[in-house]
């Protein structure tokens, strides 16, 4: 499997960069900045998984995602 690697430009942009690599693998070129803008910007924690999934879905990809919320797990 040949996946292009990209270095994140911000310490909080790991999610958008991983999505950029995934989209690149699927022959879709989208910049890190366009992904960040498309998900509503970076928050203090980065980007929520659901926002990345919604962005990919808007590009026409079939999306399934899994996320972990420590607060829910502690209850």
PDB file of N, CA and C in Angstrom:
ATOM      1  N   UNK A   1       0.850  -1.164   0.000  1.00  0.00           N
ATOM      2  CA  UNK A   1       0.000   0.000   0.000  1.00  0.00           C
ATOM      3  C   UNK A   1       0.901   1.235   0.000  1.00  0.00           C
ATOM      4  N   UNK A   2       0.746   2.080  -0.976  1.00  0.00           N
ATOM      5  CA  UNK A   2       1.554   3.294  -1.101  1.00  0.00           C
ATOM      6  C   UNK A   2       0.745   4.488  -0.607  1.00  0.00           C
ATOM      7  N   UNK A   3       1.160   5.056   0.516  1.00  0.00           N
ATOM      8  CA  UNK A   3       0.473   6.211   1.087  1.00  0.00           C
ATOM      9  C   UNK A   3       1.451   7.369   1.183  1.00  0.00           C
ATOM     10  N   UNK A   4       1.080   8.499   0.597  1.00  0.00           N
ATOM     11  CA  UNK A   4       1.910   9.699   0.709  1.00  0.00           C
ATOM     12  C   UNK A   4       1.870  10.207   2.141  1.00  0.00           C
ATOM     13  N   UNK A   5       3.023  10.619   2.643  1.00  0.00           N
ATOM     14  CA  UNK A   5       3.094  11.168   3.996  1.00  0.00           C
ATOM     15  C   UNK A   5       3.217  12.684   3.927  1.00  0.00           C
ATOM     16  N   UNK A   6       2.522  13.344   4.842  1.00  0.00           N
ATOM     17  CA  UNK A   6       2.570  14.796   4.939  1.00  0.00           C
ATOM     18  C   UNK A   6       2.839  15.175   6.388  1.00  0.00           C
ATOM     19  N   UNK A   7       3.631  16.192   6.592  1.00  0.00           N
ATOM     20  CA  UNK A   7       3.921  16.686   7.934  1.00  0.00           C
ATOM     21  C   UNK A   7       2.864  17.713   8.311  1.00  0.00           C
ATOM     22  N   UNK A   8       2.304  17.565   9.501  1.00  0.00           N
ATOM     23  CA  UNK A   8       1.301  18.531   9.934  1.00  0.00           C
ATOM     24  C   UNK A   8       1.955  19.877  10.192  1.00  0.00           C
ATOM     25  N   UNK A   9       1.214  20.933   9.852  1.00  0.00           N
ATOM     26  CA  UNK A   9       1.740  22.290   9.974  1.00  0.00           C
ATOM     27  C   UNK A   9       1.423  22.910  11.328  1.00  0.00           C
ATOM     28  N   UNK A  10       0.631  22.229  12.119  1.00  0.00           N
ATOM     29  CA  UNK A  10       0.204  22.725  13.419  1.00  0.00           C
ATOM     30  C   UNK A  10       0.126  21.533  14.361  1.00  0.00           C
ATOM     31  N   UNK A  11       0.494  21.704  15.620  1.00  0.00           N
ATOM     32  CA  UNK A  11       0.492  20.570  16.544  1.00  0.00           C
ATOM     33  C   UNK A  11      -0.906  20.008  16.797  1.00  0.00           C
ATOM     34  N   UNK A  12      -1.946  20.739  16.445  1.00  0.00           N
ATOM     35  CA  UNK A  12      -3.316  20.277  16.640  1.00  0.00           C
ATOM     36  C   UNK A  12      -3.955  19.732  15.368  1.00  0.00           C
ATOM     37  N   UNK A  13      -3.216  19.703  14.271  1.00  0.00           N
ATOM     38  CA  UNK A  13      -3.831  19.326  12.988  1.00  0.00           C
ATOM     39  C   UNK A  13      -3.553  17.882  12.573  1.00  0.00           C
ATOM     40  N   UNK A  14      -3.335  16.988  13.541  1.00  0.00           N
ATOM     41  CA  UNK A  14      -3.047  15.596  13.170  1.00  0.00           C
ATOM     42  C   UNK A  14      -4.228  14.950  12.444  1.00  0.00           C
ATOM     43  N   UNK A  15      -5.461  15.201  12.906  1.00  0.00           N
ATOM     44  CA  UNK A  15      -6.635  14.631  12.247  1.00  0.00           C
ATOM     45  C   UNK A  15      -6.766  15.076  10.799  1.00  0.00           C
ATOM     46  N   UNK A  16      -6.722  16.383  10.532  1.00  0.00           N
ATOM     47  CA  UNK A  16      -6.790  16.837   9.149  1.00  0.00           C
ATOM     48  C   UNK A  16      -5.668  16.285   8.265  1.00  0.00           C
ATOM     49  N   UNK A  17      -4.469  16.123   8.807  1.00  0.00           N
ATOM     50  CA  UNK A  17      -3.365  15.594   8.000  1.00  0.00           C
ATOM     51  C   UNK A  17      -3.581  14.115   7.693  1.00  0.00           C
ATOM     52  N   UNK A  18      -4.090  13.362   8.662  1.00  0.00           N
ATOM     53  CA  UNK A  18      -4.393  11.951   8.395  1.00  0.00           C
ATOM     54  C   UNK A  18      -5.486  11.846   7.331  1.00  0.00           C
ATOM     55  N   UNK A  19      -6.499  12.704   7.408  1.00  0.00           N
ATOM     56  CA  UNK A  19      -7.538  12.700   6.374  1.00  0.00           C
ATOM     57  C   UNK A  19      -6.940  13.086   5.028  1.00  0.00           C
ATOM     58  N   UNK A  20      -6.038  14.049   4.993  1.00  0.00           N
ATOM     59  CA  UNK A  20      -5.361  14.437   3.746  1.00  0.00           C
ATOM     60  C   UNK A  20      -4.625  13.237   3.151  1.00  0.00           C
ATOM     61  N   UNK A  21      -3.926  12.465   3.985  1.00  0.00           N
ATOM     62  CA  UNK A  21      -3.207  11.281   3.498  1.00  0.00           C
ATOM     63  C   UNK A  21      -4.179  10.240   2.957  1.00  0.00           C
ATOM     64  N   UNK A  22      -5.285  10.051   3.664  1.00  0.00           N
ATOM     65  CA  UNK A  22      -6.291   9.082   3.227  1.00  0.00           C
ATOM     66  C   UNK A  22      -6.908   9.509   1.900  1.00  0.00           C
ATOM     67  N   UNK A  23      -7.262  10.781   1.786  1.00  0.00           N
ATOM     68  CA  UNK A  23      -7.838  11.287   0.539  1.00  0.00           C
ATOM     69  C   UNK A  23      -6.840  11.187  -0.605  1.00  0.00           C
ATOM     70  N   UNK A  24      -5.584  11.468  -0.329  1.00  0.00           N
ATOM     71  CA  UNK A  24      -4.536  11.354  -1.345  1.00  0.00           C
ATOM     72  C   UNK A  24      -4.435   9.917  -1.848  1.00  0.00           C
ATOM     73  N   UNK A  25      -4.521   8.969  -0.934  1.00  0.00           N
ATOM     74  CA  UNK A  25      -4.490   7.550  -1.314  1.00  0.00           C
ATOM     75  C   UNK A  25      -5.654   7.228  -2.261  1.00  0.00           C
ATOM     76  N   UNK A  26      -6.781   7.905  -2.041  1.00  0.00           N
ATOM     77  CA  UNK A  26      -7.973   7.700  -2.880  1.00  0.00           C
ATOM     78  C   UNK A  26      -7.983   8.634  -4.089  1.00  0.00           C
ATOM     79  N   UNK A  27      -6.830   9.210  -4.428  1.00  0.00           N
ATOM     80  CA  UNK A  27      -6.649  10.088  -5.593  1.00  0.00           C
ATOM     81  C   UNK A  27      -7.450  11.382  -5.508  1.00  0.00           C
ATOM     82  N   UNK A  28      -7.644  11.881  -4.303  1.00  0.00           N
ATOM     83  CA  UNK A  28      -8.344  13.151  -4.092  1.00  0.00           C
ATOM     84  C   UNK A  28      -7.387  14.097  -3.377  1.00  0.00           C
ATOM     85  N   UNK A  29      -7.053  15.218  -4.016  1.00  0.00           N
ATOM     86  CA  UNK A  29      -6.105  16.167  -3.442  1.00  0.00           C
ATOM     87  C   UNK A  29      -6.844  17.302  -2.738  1.00  0.00           C
ATOM     88  N   UNK A  30      -6.674  17.378  -1.417  1.00  0.00           N
ATOM     89  CA  UNK A  30      -7.274  18.441  -0.619  1.00  0.00           C
ATOM     90  C   UNK A  30      -6.202  18.930   0.350  1.00  0.00           C
ATOM     91  N   UNK A  31      -6.036  20.232   0.460  1.00  0.00           N
ATOM     92  CA  UNK A  31      -4.992  20.766   1.334  1.00  0.00           C
ATOM     93  C   UNK A  31      -5.387  20.647   2.807  1.00  0.00           C
ATOM     94  N   UNK A  32      -4.371  20.636   3.651  1.00  0.00           N
ATOM     95  CA  UNK A  32      -4.597  20.626   5.101  1.00  0.00           C
ATOM     96  C   UNK A  32      -5.462  21.826   5.496  1.00  0.00           C
ATOM     97  N   UNK A  33      -5.152  22.996   4.955  1.00  0.00           N
ATOM     98  CA  UNK A  33      -5.904  24.218   5.259  1.00  0.00           C
ATOM     99  C   UNK A  33      -7.363  24.092   4.830  1.00  0.00           C
ATOM    100  N   UNK A  34      -7.629  23.519   3.644  1.00  0.00           N
ATOM    101  CA  UNK A  34      -9.011  23.354   3.186  1.00  0.00           C
ATOM    102  C   UNK A  34      -9.785  22.398   4.091  1.00  0.00           C
ATOM    103  N   UNK A  35      -9.127  21.355   4.566  1.00  0.00           N
ATOM    104  CA  UNK A  35      -9.786  20.426   5.489  1.00  0.00           C
ATOM    105  C   UNK A  35     -10.089  21.140   6.802  1.00  0.00           C
ATOM    106  N   UNK A  36      -9.114  21.860   7.337  1.00  0.00           N
ATOM    107  CA  UNK A  36      -9.321  22.589   8.593  1.00  0.00           C
ATOM    108  C   UNK A  36     -10.467  23.589   8.449  1.00  0.00           C
ATOM    109  N   UNK A  37     -10.490  24.335   7.367  1.00  0.00           N
ATOM    110  CA  UNK A  37     -11.589  25.281   7.132  1.00  0.00           C
ATOM    111  C   UNK A  37     -12.913  24.547   6.976  1.00  0.00           C
ATOM    112  N   UNK A  38     -12.891  23.404   6.291  1.00  0.00           N
ATOM    113  CA  UNK A  38     -14.106  22.639   6.033  1.00  0.00           C
ATOM    114  C   UNK A  38     -14.717  21.993   7.264  1.00  0.00           C
ATOM    115  N   UNK A  39     -13.911  21.805   8.306  1.00  0.00           N
ATOM    116  CA  UNK A  39     -14.431  21.205   9.542  1.00  0.00           C
ATOM    117  C   UNK A  39     -14.705  22.260  10.617  1.00  0.00           C
ATOM    118  N   UNK A  40     -14.570  23.529  10.250  1.00  0.00           N
ATOM    119  CA  UNK A  40     -14.880  24.595  11.192  1.00  0.00           C
ATOM    120  C   UNK A  40     -13.698  25.095  12.002  1.00  0.00           C
ATOM    121  N   UNK A  41     -12.496  24.766  11.574  1.00  0.00           N
ATOM    122  CA  UNK A  41     -11.296  25.253  12.252  1.00  0.00           C
ATOM    123  C   UNK A  41     -10.803  24.316  13.338  1.00  0.00           C
ATOM    124  N   UNK A  42      -9.644  24.645  13.866  1.00  0.00           N
ATOM    125  CA  UNK A  42      -9.049  23.869  14.951  1.00  0.00           C
ATOM    126  C   UNK A  42      -9.555  24.397  16.290  1.00  0.00           C
ATOM    127  N   UNK A  43      -9.875  23.489  17.184  1.00  0.00           N
ATOM    128  CA  UNK A  43     -10.275  23.853  18.541  1.00  0.00           C
ATOM    129  C   UNK A  43      -9.090  23.589  19.466  1.00  0.00           C
ATOM    130  N   UNK A  44      -9.263  23.774  20.765  1.00  0.00           N
ATOM    131  CA  UNK A  44      -8.154  23.575  21.703  1.00  0.00           C
ATOM    132  C   UNK A  44      -7.677  22.129  21.740  1.00  0.00           C
ATOM    133  N   UNK A  45      -8.499  21.214  21.234  1.00  0.00           N
ATOM    134  CA  UNK A  45      -8.162  19.791  21.211  1.00  0.00           C
ATOM    135  C   UNK A  45      -7.862  19.292  19.804  1.00  0.00           C
ATOM    136  N   UNK A  46      -7.972  20.145  18.820  1.00  0.00           N
ATOM    137  CA  UNK A  46      -7.788  19.736  17.426  1.00  0.00           C
ATOM    138  C   UNK A  46      -9.120  19.703  16.705  1.00  0.00           C
ATOM    139  N   UNK A  47      -9.476  18.549  16.152  1.00  0.00           N
ATOM    140  CA  UNK A  47     -10.724  18.396  15.398  1.00  0.00           C
ATOM    141  C   UNK A  47     -11.412  17.113  15.849  1.00  0.00           C
ATOM    142  N   UNK A  48     -12.702  17.180  16.058  1.00  0.00           N
ATOM    143  CA  UNK A  48     -13.461  15.976  16.431  1.00  0.00           C
ATOM    144  C   UNK A  48     -13.553  15.021  15.238  1.00  0.00           C
ATOM    145  N   UNK A  49     -13.503  13.752  15.552  1.00  0.00           N
ATOM    146  CA  UNK A  49     -13.564  12.705  14.532  1.00  0.00           C
ATOM    147  C   UNK A  49     -14.806  12.844  13.664  1.00  0.00           C
ATOM    148  N   UNK A  50     -15.941  13.146  14.282  1.00  0.00           N
ATOM    149  CA  UNK A  50     -17.187  13.261  13.531  1.00  0.00           C
ATOM    150  C   UNK A  50     -17.093  14.364  12.479  1.00  0.00           C
ATOM    151  N   UNK A  51     -16.389  15.454  12.771  1.00  0.00           N
ATOM    152  CA  UNK A  51     -16.243  16.542  11.797  1.00  0.00           C
ATOM    153  C   UNK A  51     -15.420  16.091  10.589  1.00  0.00           C
ATOM    154  N   UNK A  52     -14.370  15.306  10.845  1.00  0.00           N
ATOM    155  CA  UNK A  52     -13.566  14.771   9.740  1.00  0.00           C
ATOM    156  C   UNK A  52     -14.401  13.817   8.893  1.00  0.00           C
ATOM    157  N   UNK A  53     -15.211  12.988   9.553  1.00  0.00           N
ATOM    158  CA  UNK A  53     -16.072  12.048   8.830  1.00  0.00           C
ATOM    159  C   UNK A  53     -17.090  12.793   7.974  1.00  0.00           C
ATOM    160  N   UNK A  54     -17.696  13.834   8.532  1.00  0.00           N
ATOM    161  CA  UNK A  54     -18.669  14.628   7.771  1.00  0.00           C
ATOM    162  C   UNK A  54     -18.012  15.291   6.561  1.00  0.00           C
ATOM    163  N   UNK A  55     -16.796  15.776   6.723  1.00  0.00           N
ATOM    164  CA  UNK A  55     -16.075  16.402   5.615  1.00  0.00           C
ATOM    165  C   UNK A  55     -15.847  15.390   4.496  1.00  0.00           C
ATOM    166  N   UNK A  56     -15.382  14.202   4.847  1.00  0.00           N
ATOM    167  CA  UNK A  56     -15.145  13.160   3.840  1.00  0.00           C
ATOM    168  C   UNK A  56     -16.452  12.754   3.165  1.00  0.00           C
ATOM    169  N   UNK A  57     -17.530  12.678   3.930  1.00  0.00           N
ATOM    170  CA  UNK A  57     -18.837  12.325   3.366  1.00  0.00           C
ATOM    171  C   UNK A  57     -19.280  13.373   2.352  1.00  0.00           C
ATOM    172  N   UNK A  58     -19.044  14.648   2.653  1.00  0.00           N
ATOM    173  CA  UNK A  58     -19.411  15.726   1.722  1.00  0.00           C
ATOM    174  C   UNK A  58     -18.628  15.640   0.415  1.00  0.00           C
ATOM    175  N   UNK A  59     -17.459  15.022   0.469  1.00  0.00           N
ATOM    176  CA  UNK A  59     -16.667  14.822  -0.750  1.00  0.00           C
ATOM    177  C   UNK A  59     -17.139  13.603  -1.543  1.00  0.00           C
ATOM    178  N   UNK A  60     -18.134  12.888  -1.008  1.00  0.00           N
ATOM    179  CA  UNK A  60     -18.700  11.755  -1.723  1.00  0.00           C
ATOM    180  C   UNK A  60     -18.215  10.394  -1.269  1.00  0.00           C
ATOM    181  N   UNK A  61     -17.464  10.345  -0.178  1.00  0.00           N
ATOM    182  CA  UNK A  61     -16.960   9.068   0.316  1.00  0.00           C
ATOM    183  C   UNK A  61     -17.965   8.422   1.260  1.00  0.00           C
ATOM    184  N   UNK A  62     -18.044   7.100   1.208  1.00  0.00           N
ATOM    185  CA  UNK A  62     -18.841   6.345   2.161  1.00  0.00           C
ATOM    186  C   UNK A  62     -18.012   6.281   3.442  1.00  0.00           C
ATOM    187  N   UNK A  63     -18.591   6.704   4.551  1.00  0.00           N
ATOM    188  CA  UNK A  63     -17.813   6.888   5.778  1.00  0.00           C
ATOM    189  C   UNK A  63     -18.399   6.101   6.940  1.00  0.00           C
ATOM    190  N   UNK A  64     -17.522   5.439   7.668  1.00  0.00           N
ATOM    191  CA  UNK A  64     -17.835   4.863   8.978  1.00  0.00           C
ATOM    192  C   UNK A  64     -16.732   5.349   9.901  1.00  0.00           C
ATOM    193  N   UNK A  65     -17.074   5.720  11.117  1.00  0.00           N
ATOM    194  CA  UNK A  65     -16.037   6.206  12.028  1.00  0.00           C
ATOM    195  C   UNK A  65     -16.319   5.726  13.446  1.00  0.00           C
ATOM    196  N   UNK A  66     -15.276   5.705  14.217  1.00  0.00           N
ATOM    197  CA  UNK A  66     -15.346   5.306  15.616  1.00  0.00           C
ATOM    198  C   UNK A  66     -14.597   6.353  16.420  1.00  0.00           C
ATOM    199  N   UNK A  67     -15.134   6.690  17.571  1.00  0.00           N
ATOM    200  CA  UNK A  67     -14.519   7.712  18.401  1.00  0.00           C
ATOM    201  C   UNK A  67     -14.619   7.298  19.863  1.00  0.00           C
ATOM    202  N   UNK A  68     -13.757   7.850  20.686  1.00  0.00           N
ATOM    203  CA  UNK A  68     -13.734   7.534  22.109  1.00  0.00           C
ATOM    204  C   UNK A  68     -13.923   8.811  22.906  1.00  0.00           C
ATOM    205  N   UNK A  69     -14.795   8.753  23.903  1.00  0.00           N
ATOM    206  CA  UNK A  69     -15.028   9.890  24.780  1.00  0.00           C
ATOM    207  C   UNK A  69     -14.780   9.433  26.214  1.00  0.00           C
ATOM    208  N   UNK A  70     -13.695   9.891  26.805  1.00  0.00           N
ATOM    209  CA  UNK A  70     -13.329   9.467  28.166  1.00  0.00           C
ATOM    210  C   UNK A  70     -14.444   9.777  29.165  1.00  0.00           C
ATOM    211  N   UNK A  71     -15.127  10.892  29.020  1.00  0.00           N
ATOM    212  CA  UNK A  71     -16.195  11.242  29.956  1.00  0.00           C
ATOM    213  C   UNK A  71     -17.306  10.204  29.928  1.00  0.00           C
ATOM    214  N   UNK A  72     -17.654   9.706  28.758  1.00  0.00           N
ATOM    215  CA  UNK A  72     -18.688   8.676  28.665  1.00  0.00           C
ATOM    216  C   UNK A  72     -18.199   7.359  29.250  1.00  0.00           C
ATOM    217  N   UNK A  73     -16.930   7.056  29.075  1.00  0.00           N
ATOM    218  CA  UNK A  73     -16.367   5.800  29.565  1.00  0.00           C
ATOM    219  C   UNK A  73     -16.279   5.780  31.088  1.00  0.00           C
ATOM    220  N   UNK A  74     -16.119   6.941  31.712  1.00  0.00           N
ATOM    221  CA  UNK A  74     -15.983   7.009  33.167  1.00  0.00           C
ATOM    222  C   UNK A  74     -17.316   6.880  33.893  1.00  0.00           C
ATOM    223  N   UNK A  75     -18.424   6.974  33.192  1.00  0.00           N
ATOM    224  CA  UNK A  75     -19.755   6.879  33.829  1.00  0.00           C
ATOM    225  C   UNK A  75     -20.201   5.460  33.979  1.00  0.00           C
TER     226      UNK A  75
END
